[in-house]
Amino acid sequence: MTVTAGQVVQLGETDYRYATGALRLRILRVRLDISQWYDGEWVWLEGVEIGPDGRPGAFRPVLARVAALRPVT
């Protein structure tokens, strides 16, 4: 896994499931326990959405493509 709790990731619309548009997420937890069913290609993340103004928003569980997970610098 390339990300850990506390990091922020930027996901494009095709890099996560069950929502639309780009997403910035501050990771609170990587759910490896329920991610085992996705053949290492997808992982469940729990985090807080970061708005365009940089302020924290709502809590979000996200099924994200592992290949797209790179911390925002």
C-alpha atoms as a PDB file:
ATOM      1  CA  MET A   1       0.000   0.000   0.000  1.00  0.00           C
ATOM      2  CA  THR A   2       1.357   3.394  -0.963  1.00  0.00           C
ATOM      3  CA  VAL A   3      -0.698   5.583   1.377  1.00  0.00           C
ATOM      4  CA  THR A   4      -1.333   5.729   5.105  1.00  0.00           C
ATOM      5  CA  ALA A   5      -3.605   7.510   7.563  1.00  0.00           C
ATOM      6  CA  GLY A   6      -3.054  11.264   7.617  1.00  0.00           C
ATOM      7  CA  GLN A   7      -2.073  11.599   3.967  1.00  0.00           C
ATOM      8  CA  VAL A   8      -4.163  13.391   1.344  1.00  0.00           C
ATOM      9  CA  VAL A   9      -4.854  11.790  -2.031  1.00  0.00           C
ATOM     10  CA  GLN A  10      -6.334  13.280  -5.187  1.00  0.00           C
ATOM     11  CA  LEU A  11      -8.568  10.860  -7.089  1.00  0.00           C
ATOM     12  CA  GLY A  12      -9.955  11.349 -10.567  1.00  0.00           C
ATOM     13  CA  GLU A  13     -13.516  10.279 -11.324  1.00  0.00           C
ATOM     14  CA  THR A  14     -12.390   6.921 -12.756  1.00  0.00           C
ATOM     15  CA  ASP A  15     -10.119   6.225  -9.771  1.00  0.00           C
ATOM     16  CA  TYR A  16     -12.913   5.563  -7.279  1.00  0.00           C
ATOM     17  CA  ARG A  17     -16.431   4.104  -7.248  1.00  0.00           C
ATOM     18  CA  TYR A  18     -19.937   5.186  -6.333  1.00  0.00           C
ATOM     19  CA  ALA A  19     -19.651   8.953  -6.867  1.00  0.00           C
ATOM     20  CA  THR A  20     -18.722  11.442  -9.587  1.00  0.00           C
ATOM     21  CA  GLY A  21     -16.135  14.179 -10.034  1.00  0.00           C
ATOM     22  CA  ALA A  22     -12.615  14.558  -8.706  1.00  0.00           C
ATOM     23  CA  LEU A  23     -12.050  13.925  -5.003  1.00  0.00           C
ATOM     24  CA  ARG A  24      -9.432  15.070  -2.488  1.00  0.00           C
ATOM     25  CA  LEU A  25      -9.478  12.864   0.586  1.00  0.00           C
ATOM     26  CA  ARG A  26      -7.525  13.000   3.846  1.00  0.00           C
ATOM     27  CA  ILE A  27      -7.197   9.349   4.797  1.00  0.00           C
ATOM     28  CA  LEU A  28      -8.259   8.351   8.276  1.00  0.00           C
ATOM     29  CA  ARG A  29      -8.085   4.587   7.795  1.00  0.00           C
ATOM     30  CA  VAL A  30      -7.119   2.061   5.125  1.00  0.00           C
ATOM     31  CA  ARG A  31      -9.574  -0.856   5.361  1.00  0.00           C
ATOM     32  CA  LEU A  32      -7.395  -3.822   4.375  1.00  0.00           C
ATOM     33  CA  ASP A  33      -9.781  -6.144   6.237  1.00  0.00           C
ATOM     34  CA  ILE A  34     -12.572  -5.634   3.683  1.00  0.00           C
ATOM     35  CA  SER A  35     -10.346  -4.918   0.684  1.00  0.00           C
ATOM     36  CA  GLN A  36      -9.182  -8.514   0.258  1.00  0.00           C
ATOM     37  CA  TRP A  37     -12.084  -9.221  -2.134  1.00  0.00           C
ATOM     38  CA  TYR A  38     -10.794  -6.857  -4.845  1.00  0.00           C
ATOM     39  CA  ASP A  39      -7.723  -8.794  -6.070  1.00  0.00           C
ATOM     40  CA  GLY A  40      -5.311  -6.086  -4.913  1.00  0.00           C
ATOM     41  CA  GLU A  41      -6.672  -3.635  -7.498  1.00  0.00           C
ATOM     42  CA  TRP A  42      -9.075  -1.710  -5.240  1.00  0.00           C
ATOM     43  CA  VAL A  43      -8.967  -0.746  -1.561  1.00  0.00           C
ATOM     44  CA  TRP A  44     -11.520   0.712   0.841  1.00  0.00           C
ATOM     45  CA  LEU A  45     -10.469   3.996   2.417  1.00  0.00           C
ATOM     46  CA  GLU A  46     -12.185   6.000   5.119  1.00  0.00           C
ATOM     47  CA  GLY A  47     -11.462   9.686   5.148  1.00  0.00           C
ATOM     48  CA  VAL A  48     -12.580  13.280   5.153  1.00  0.00           C
ATOM     49  CA  GLU A  49     -13.272  15.021   1.869  1.00  0.00           C
ATOM     50  CA  ILE A  50     -11.185  18.175   1.382  1.00  0.00           C
ATOM     51  CA  GLY A  51     -13.065  20.990  -0.353  1.00  0.00           C
ATOM     52  CA  PRO A  52     -11.720  23.287  -3.084  1.00  0.00           C
ATOM     53  CA  ASP A  53     -10.962  25.867  -0.393  1.00  0.00           C
ATOM     54  CA  GLY A  54      -8.800  23.340   1.505  1.00  0.00           C
ATOM     55  CA  ARG A  55     -11.259  23.000   4.375  1.00  0.00           C
ATOM     56  CA  PRO A  56     -12.333  19.592   5.657  1.00  0.00           C
ATOM     57  CA  GLY A  57     -15.789  18.383   4.729  1.00  0.00           C
ATOM     58  CA  ALA A  58     -17.811  15.237   5.204  1.00  0.00           C
ATOM     59  CA  PHE A  59     -16.608  11.795   6.255  1.00  0.00           C
ATOM     60  CA  ARG A  60     -16.492   9.447   3.243  1.00  0.00           C
ATOM     61  CA  PRO A  61     -15.836   5.766   2.748  1.00  0.00           C
ATOM     62  CA  VAL A  62     -14.278   5.316  -0.712  1.00  0.00           C
ATOM     63  CA  LEU A  63     -13.463   2.282  -2.851  1.00  0.00           C
ATOM     64  CA  ALA A  64     -10.321   3.493  -4.648  1.00  0.00           C
ATOM     65  CA  ARG A  65      -8.106   2.104  -7.386  1.00  0.00           C
ATOM     66  CA  VAL A  66      -4.773   1.123  -5.778  1.00  0.00           C
ATOM     67  CA  ALA A  67      -2.790   2.224  -8.865  1.00  0.00           C
ATOM     68  CA  ALA A  68      -4.122   5.791  -8.430  1.00  0.00           C
ATOM     69  CA  LEU A  69      -3.074   6.209  -4.806  1.00  0.00           C
ATOM     70  CA  ARG A  70      -0.286   8.736  -4.537  1.00  0.00           C
ATOM     71  CA  PRO A  71      -0.073  11.256  -1.707  1.00  0.00           C
ATOM     72  CA  VAL A  72      -0.558  14.896  -2.688  1.00  0.00           C
ATOM     73  CA  THR A  73       2.583  16.891  -2.009  1.00  0.00           C
END
